[in-house]
Amino acid sequence: MLKESERLRLKADILKRKAELYSSLAKVMSDKSTKRSIDNLMHAPKIASKVSKIGWSIFWIPEPTMISNAIAIPMIIAGKLLEKHYDGITVKDVYNEAENVFRSLRMGLIDK
């Protein structure tokens, strides 16, 4: 069994390592490009759906000159093309998919 002083020393060491970790993270996060990249990984923008939704909303605005349709149809097409080439996958989505794969593998092993 650890003595009280050894426990306190271990706790102090853990707190010191945590403080070093947080300070190094703060240094990394102070860089704007790194912060933007990490933010995009955590919260990926859904550009394709936004462009498509804006296009559809402009398309359905009643207007006698049909200029809105000339603007909206290319936006809708661009949104559909972006959906094929750009996915708004985040780290959470990757985690969920890996969890599903492991669950199905585990079920496959149990069934055999």
N, C-alpha and C. Protein backbone atom coordinates (compact mmCIF):
# COMPACT_ATOMS: atom_id res chain seq x y z
N MET A 1 0.83 -1.18 0.00
CA MET A 1 0.00 0.00 0.00
C MET A 1 0.88 1.25 0.00
N LEU A 2 0.46 2.23 -0.77
CA LEU A 2 1.25 3.46 -0.87
C LEU A 2 1.04 4.32 0.37
N LYS A 3 2.13 4.95 0.75
CA LYS A 3 2.04 5.88 1.86
C LYS A 3 1.34 7.15 1.39
N GLU A 4 0.88 7.91 2.36
CA GLU A 4 0.16 9.14 2.04
C GLU A 4 1.04 10.12 1.27
N SER A 5 2.30 10.22 1.62
CA SER A 5 3.20 11.14 0.93
C SER A 5 3.43 10.70 -0.51
N GLU A 6 3.51 9.38 -0.73
CA GLU A 6 3.70 8.88 -2.09
C GLU A 6 2.45 9.15 -2.94
N ARG A 7 1.28 9.00 -2.36
CA ARG A 7 0.04 9.30 -3.07
C ARG A 7 -0.03 10.77 -3.45
N LEU A 8 0.33 11.63 -2.51
CA LEU A 8 0.33 13.07 -2.80
C LEU A 8 1.33 13.41 -3.89
N ARG A 9 2.49 12.77 -3.87
CA ARG A 9 3.51 13.01 -4.89
C ARG A 9 2.99 12.56 -6.26
N LEU A 10 2.32 11.41 -6.31
CA LEU A 10 1.76 10.93 -7.57
C LEU A 10 0.67 11.88 -8.10
N LYS A 11 -0.19 12.34 -7.20
CA LYS A 11 -1.24 13.27 -7.61
C LYS A 11 -0.65 14.58 -8.11
N ALA A 12 0.40 15.06 -7.44
CA ALA A 12 1.05 16.29 -7.87
C ALA A 12 1.70 16.10 -9.25
N ASP A 13 2.28 14.92 -9.47
CA ASP A 13 2.89 14.62 -10.76
C ASP A 13 1.83 14.58 -11.86
N ILE A 14 0.69 13.97 -11.57
CA ILE A 14 -0.40 13.91 -12.54
C ILE A 14 -0.89 15.32 -12.87
N LEU A 15 -1.08 16.14 -11.86
CA LEU A 15 -1.53 17.51 -12.09
C LEU A 15 -0.51 18.30 -12.90
N LYS A 16 0.77 18.08 -12.63
CA LYS A 16 1.82 18.77 -13.38
C LYS A 16 1.78 18.37 -14.85
N ARG A 17 1.62 17.07 -15.13
CA ARG A 17 1.55 16.60 -16.52
C ARG A 17 0.30 17.15 -17.22
N LYS A 18 -0.81 17.21 -16.50
CA LYS A 18 -2.03 17.77 -17.08
C LYS A 18 -1.83 19.25 -17.42
N ALA A 19 -1.21 19.98 -16.53
CA ALA A 19 -0.96 21.40 -16.78
C ALA A 19 -0.05 21.58 -18.00
N GLU A 20 0.98 20.74 -18.13
CA GLU A 20 1.86 20.82 -19.30
C GLU A 20 1.09 20.50 -20.58
N LEU A 21 0.24 19.50 -20.51
CA LEU A 21 -0.57 19.13 -21.68
C LEU A 21 -1.48 20.27 -22.08
N TYR A 22 -2.18 20.87 -21.12
CA TYR A 22 -3.09 21.96 -21.43
C TYR A 22 -2.34 23.19 -21.96
N SER A 23 -1.16 23.47 -21.42
CA SER A 23 -0.41 24.63 -21.92
C SER A 23 0.08 24.37 -23.35
N SER A 24 0.49 23.13 -23.65
CA SER A 24 0.92 22.84 -25.02
C SER A 24 -0.26 22.89 -25.98
N LEU A 25 -1.43 22.43 -25.53
CA LEU A 25 -2.64 22.55 -26.37
C LEU A 25 -3.01 24.01 -26.60
N ALA A 26 -2.85 24.83 -25.59
CA ALA A 26 -3.16 26.25 -25.74
C ALA A 26 -2.22 26.90 -26.76
N LYS A 27 -0.95 26.49 -26.76
CA LYS A 27 0.00 27.03 -27.73
C LYS A 27 -0.38 26.62 -29.15
N VAL A 28 -0.79 25.36 -29.30
CA VAL A 28 -1.18 24.87 -30.63
C VAL A 28 -2.46 25.56 -31.09
N MET A 29 -3.41 25.70 -30.19
CA MET A 29 -4.70 26.28 -30.56
C MET A 29 -4.63 27.78 -30.80
N SER A 30 -3.55 28.44 -30.38
CA SER A 30 -3.45 29.87 -30.63
C SER A 30 -3.17 30.16 -32.10
N ASP A 31 -2.65 29.17 -32.84
CA ASP A 31 -2.45 29.32 -34.28
C ASP A 31 -3.81 29.25 -34.98
N LYS A 32 -4.14 30.28 -35.77
CA LYS A 32 -5.47 30.37 -36.38
C LYS A 32 -5.74 29.25 -37.37
N SER A 33 -4.75 28.89 -38.19
CA SER A 33 -4.99 27.86 -39.20
C SER A 33 -5.19 26.49 -38.55
N THR A 34 -4.45 26.20 -37.50
CA THR A 34 -4.63 24.93 -36.80
C THR A 34 -5.99 24.88 -36.13
N LYS A 35 -6.38 25.98 -35.53
CA LYS A 35 -7.68 26.03 -34.87
C LYS A 35 -8.80 25.85 -35.88
N ARG A 36 -8.68 26.47 -37.05
CA ARG A 36 -9.70 26.34 -38.08
C ARG A 36 -9.78 24.90 -38.59
N SER A 37 -8.62 24.25 -38.76
CA SER A 37 -8.62 22.87 -39.24
C SER A 37 -9.26 21.93 -38.23
N ILE A 38 -8.93 22.09 -36.97
CA ILE A 38 -9.52 21.25 -35.93
C ILE A 38 -11.01 21.51 -35.81
N ASP A 39 -11.41 22.77 -35.92
CA ASP A 39 -12.83 23.09 -35.86
C ASP A 39 -13.59 22.46 -37.03
N ASN A 40 -12.98 22.44 -38.21
CA ASN A 40 -13.62 21.80 -39.36
C ASN A 40 -13.72 20.30 -39.19
N LEU A 41 -12.77 19.70 -38.49
CA LEU A 41 -12.87 18.27 -38.21
C LEU A 41 -13.99 17.96 -37.23
N MET A 42 -14.17 18.83 -36.27
CA MET A 42 -15.19 18.60 -35.25
C MET A 42 -16.59 18.98 -35.74
N HIS A 43 -16.67 20.06 -36.51
CA HIS A 43 -17.96 20.56 -37.00
C HIS A 43 -17.82 20.87 -38.48
N ALA A 44 -17.91 19.88 -39.31
CA ALA A 44 -17.74 20.08 -40.75
C ALA A 44 -18.93 20.84 -41.32
N PRO A 45 -18.65 21.86 -42.11
CA PRO A 45 -19.76 22.60 -42.72
C PRO A 45 -20.41 21.77 -43.81
N LYS A 46 -21.71 21.86 -43.89
CA LYS A 46 -22.45 21.13 -44.93
C LYS A 46 -22.75 22.10 -46.06
N ILE A 47 -21.70 22.39 -46.82
CA ILE A 47 -21.79 23.40 -47.87
C ILE A 47 -22.79 23.00 -48.95
N ALA A 48 -22.75 21.75 -49.35
CA ALA A 48 -23.60 21.31 -50.46
C ALA A 48 -25.07 21.47 -50.13
N SER A 49 -25.47 21.06 -48.95
CA SER A 49 -26.89 21.17 -48.60
C SER A 49 -27.31 22.62 -48.44
N LYS A 50 -26.41 23.47 -47.93
CA LYS A 50 -26.75 24.88 -47.79
C LYS A 50 -26.96 25.54 -49.15
N VAL A 51 -26.04 25.26 -50.09
CA VAL A 51 -26.17 25.85 -51.43
C VAL A 51 -27.45 25.36 -52.09
N SER A 52 -27.72 24.08 -51.96
CA SER A 52 -28.92 23.51 -52.57
C SER A 52 -30.19 24.09 -51.94
N LYS A 53 -30.22 24.22 -50.62
CA LYS A 53 -31.40 24.78 -49.95
C LYS A 53 -31.64 26.23 -50.35
N ILE A 54 -30.57 27.00 -50.44
CA ILE A 54 -30.71 28.41 -50.86
C ILE A 54 -31.23 28.46 -52.29
N GLY A 55 -30.70 27.58 -53.15
CA GLY A 55 -31.17 27.54 -54.53
C GLY A 55 -32.64 27.20 -54.62
N TRP A 56 -33.09 26.22 -53.84
CA TRP A 56 -34.52 25.85 -53.87
C TRP A 56 -35.39 26.98 -53.33
N SER A 57 -34.91 27.65 -52.28
CA SER A 57 -35.73 28.74 -51.74
C SER A 57 -35.82 29.90 -52.73
N ILE A 58 -34.75 30.18 -53.45
CA ILE A 58 -34.81 31.23 -54.48
C ILE A 58 -35.70 30.78 -55.64
N PHE A 59 -35.63 29.50 -55.98
CA PHE A 59 -36.42 28.97 -57.09
C PHE A 59 -37.92 29.13 -56.85
N TRP A 60 -38.36 28.96 -55.61
CA TRP A 60 -39.79 28.99 -55.32
C TRP A 60 -40.31 30.39 -54.99
N ILE A 61 -39.45 31.41 -55.06
CA ILE A 61 -39.92 32.78 -54.85
C ILE A 61 -40.68 33.21 -56.09
N PRO A 62 -41.93 33.62 -55.93
CA PRO A 62 -42.70 34.03 -57.12
C PRO A 62 -42.17 35.36 -57.66
N GLU A 63 -41.86 35.35 -58.96
CA GLU A 63 -41.33 36.55 -59.59
C GLU A 63 -41.72 36.52 -61.07
N PRO A 64 -42.17 37.64 -61.60
CA PRO A 64 -42.63 37.63 -63.00
C PRO A 64 -41.50 37.57 -64.04
N THR A 65 -40.28 37.99 -63.69
CA THR A 65 -39.22 38.06 -64.70
C THR A 65 -38.39 36.78 -64.79
N MET A 66 -38.54 35.85 -63.89
CA MET A 66 -37.85 34.56 -63.88
C MET A 66 -36.33 34.68 -63.70
N ILE A 67 -35.87 35.83 -63.23
CA ILE A 67 -34.43 35.97 -62.97
C ILE A 67 -34.02 35.09 -61.81
N SER A 68 -34.89 34.96 -60.84
CA SER A 68 -34.54 34.12 -59.69
C SER A 68 -34.34 32.67 -60.12
N ASN A 69 -35.09 32.21 -61.11
CA ASN A 69 -34.90 30.84 -61.60
C ASN A 69 -33.55 30.69 -62.29
N ALA A 70 -33.13 31.72 -63.01
CA ALA A 70 -31.83 31.67 -63.68
C ALA A 70 -30.69 31.62 -62.66
N ILE A 71 -30.91 32.16 -61.49
CA ILE A 71 -29.89 32.11 -60.44
C ILE A 71 -30.01 30.82 -59.64
N ALA A 72 -31.24 30.39 -59.38
CA ALA A 72 -31.48 29.26 -58.49
C ALA A 72 -31.08 27.92 -59.10
N ILE A 73 -31.37 27.70 -60.36
CA ILE A 73 -31.10 26.40 -60.97
C ILE A 73 -29.61 26.06 -60.96
N PRO A 74 -28.70 27.00 -61.32
CA PRO A 74 -27.27 26.66 -61.17
C PRO A 74 -26.86 26.40 -59.72
N MET A 75 -27.50 27.08 -58.77
CA MET A 75 -27.18 26.82 -57.36
C MET A 75 -27.61 25.42 -56.95
N ILE A 76 -28.76 24.99 -57.41
CA ILE A 76 -29.25 23.65 -57.08
C ILE A 76 -28.33 22.60 -57.70
N ILE A 77 -27.94 22.81 -58.94
CA ILE A 77 -27.04 21.87 -59.62
C ILE A 77 -25.69 21.85 -58.92
N ALA A 78 -25.18 23.02 -58.55
CA ALA A 78 -23.89 23.08 -57.85
C ALA A 78 -23.97 22.35 -56.51
N GLY A 79 -25.08 22.49 -55.81
CA GLY A 79 -25.25 21.79 -54.54
C GLY A 79 -25.24 20.28 -54.73
N LYS A 80 -25.91 19.80 -55.76
CA LYS A 80 -25.93 18.35 -56.04
C LYS A 80 -24.55 17.84 -56.43
N LEU A 81 -23.81 18.63 -57.20
CA LEU A 81 -22.45 18.22 -57.57
C LEU A 81 -21.52 18.22 -56.36
N LEU A 82 -21.69 19.21 -55.50
CA LEU A 82 -20.87 19.26 -54.28
C LEU A 82 -21.16 18.08 -53.37
N GLU A 83 -22.40 17.62 -53.33
CA GLU A 83 -22.74 16.46 -52.50
C GLU A 83 -21.98 15.22 -52.93
N LYS A 84 -21.71 15.10 -54.23
CA LYS A 84 -20.98 13.94 -54.73
C LYS A 84 -19.50 13.99 -54.36
N HIS A 85 -18.92 15.19 -54.31
CA HIS A 85 -17.48 15.30 -54.13
C HIS A 85 -17.06 15.74 -52.73
N TYR A 86 -17.96 16.34 -51.97
CA TYR A 86 -17.61 16.84 -50.64
C TYR A 86 -18.59 16.29 -49.64
N ASP A 87 -18.07 15.58 -48.66
CA ASP A 87 -18.95 15.10 -47.60
C ASP A 87 -18.59 15.82 -46.31
N GLY A 88 -19.56 16.09 -45.53
CA GLY A 88 -19.35 16.81 -44.28
C GLY A 88 -19.06 15.88 -43.13
N ILE A 89 -18.17 14.93 -43.34
CA ILE A 89 -17.88 13.94 -42.31
C ILE A 89 -17.05 14.58 -41.20
N THR A 90 -17.36 14.20 -39.98
CA THR A 90 -16.64 14.71 -38.82
C THR A 90 -15.99 13.56 -38.07
N VAL A 91 -15.24 13.90 -37.05
CA VAL A 91 -14.58 12.88 -36.23
C VAL A 91 -15.62 12.00 -35.55
N LYS A 92 -16.73 12.60 -35.14
CA LYS A 92 -17.79 11.84 -34.49
C LYS A 92 -18.39 10.81 -35.44
N ASP A 93 -18.53 11.19 -36.72
CA ASP A 93 -19.06 10.24 -37.71
C ASP A 93 -18.12 9.06 -37.91
N VAL A 94 -16.82 9.33 -37.93
CA VAL A 94 -15.83 8.26 -38.07
C VAL A 94 -15.89 7.33 -36.86
N TYR A 95 -16.02 7.91 -35.67
CA TYR A 95 -16.12 7.11 -34.45
C TYR A 95 -17.37 6.22 -34.49
N ASN A 96 -18.50 6.81 -34.89
CA ASN A 96 -19.74 6.03 -34.94
C ASN A 96 -19.65 4.90 -35.95
N GLU A 97 -19.04 5.16 -37.10
CA GLU A 97 -18.91 4.12 -38.11
C GLU A 97 -17.98 3.00 -37.64
N ALA A 98 -16.87 3.37 -36.99
CA ALA A 98 -15.96 2.35 -36.45
C ALA A 98 -16.66 1.53 -35.38
N GLU A 99 -17.47 2.17 -34.56
CA GLU A 99 -18.21 1.46 -33.53
C GLU A 99 -19.19 0.47 -34.16
N ASN A 100 -19.85 0.87 -35.23
CA ASN A 100 -20.78 -0.03 -35.92
C ASN A 100 -20.05 -1.22 -36.53
N VAL A 101 -18.87 -0.98 -37.10
CA VAL A 101 -18.09 -2.07 -37.69
C VAL A 101 -17.67 -3.06 -36.62
N PHE A 102 -17.16 -2.55 -35.50
CA PHE A 102 -16.74 -3.44 -34.42
C PHE A 102 -17.92 -4.22 -33.85
N ARG A 103 -19.08 -3.56 -33.75
CA ARG A 103 -20.27 -4.23 -33.24
C ARG A 103 -20.69 -5.36 -34.18
N SER A 104 -20.65 -5.10 -35.49
CA SER A 104 -21.05 -6.14 -36.44
C SER A 104 -20.02 -7.28 -36.47
N LEU A 105 -18.74 -6.94 -36.30
CA LEU A 105 -17.72 -8.00 -36.22
C LEU A 105 -17.92 -8.85 -34.98
N ARG A 106 -18.22 -8.20 -33.88
CA ARG A 106 -18.45 -8.91 -32.63
C ARG A 106 -19.65 -9.84 -32.76
N MET A 107 -20.72 -9.34 -33.38
CA MET A 107 -21.91 -10.17 -33.59
C MET A 107 -21.62 -11.35 -34.51
N GLY A 108 -20.77 -11.10 -35.53
CA GLY A 108 -20.39 -12.19 -36.44
C GLY A 108 -19.59 -13.26 -35.73
N LEU A 109 -18.75 -12.85 -34.79
CA LEU A 109 -17.96 -13.83 -34.04
C LEU A 109 -18.82 -14.60 -33.05
N ILE A 110 -19.83 -13.92 -32.49
CA ILE A 110 -20.70 -14.58 -31.53
C ILE A 110 -21.58 -15.60 -32.23
N ASP A 111 -22.04 -15.28 -33.45
CA ASP A 111 -22.93 -16.17 -34.19
C ASP A 111 -22.24 -17.48 -34.60
N LYS A 112 -20.93 -17.44 -34.80
CA LYS A 112 -20.23 -18.65 -35.28
C LYS A 112 -20.00 -19.66 -34.23
